[in-house]
Amino acid sequence: MGRRSERREPTGRQAVAPAYIAPVTAFDRLGNVYRRALYNQAHPEPIALYSVLLCEATSTNHPAHDYFAARYTRVLDTVAAQVRDFQEQGPFRSDLDPEAEAAWFTALWDGLQVHALYADSGAIPEQLLRGLDELVADSVPADRRVRALTASP
């Protein structure tokens, strides 16, 4: 009996790889945030599941509590490190507190995703861009910001 060939959809990083560009500059990395938000908007089911689990796992009795607590620590550490990198490379304002901005940006993105479960505004990528723009140094021209953050891969 022959094997049935099944086409499997890519998962995880394979599924989002086309949405990313290889980061060369800080703006490439920031643009990947926008592209990830566009991808998430086009594929809302995993985001809905993640958001529900994230909220339910706040209970210390939840089986996924430790996973999400550790994940939040990793995310906050990663975002804070990126804020510091962006400050050193020039696109982010030097007066920012990296840890505070990491907490703010993570809360913004998670909150927008939970909000979309109630009322899909379809504007999460643009709202994230507006939030990122608040962090960008005034010395970076506005037209460069938009082009750099929204460039296609």
Foldseek 3Di string as FASTA:
>chain_A
DDDDDDDDADDDCVNLVQLADPDDALLSVLLSVLSVVVVCLVVVPVLVVVLVCLVVLCDPPDPCVVVNVVVLVVQLVVQLVSLVVCVVRAFFDPPDRSSVLSVVLVCLLSVLSVVCVVPNPVCSSVVSLVSVVVGTDPVDDPVCSVCSNNPGD
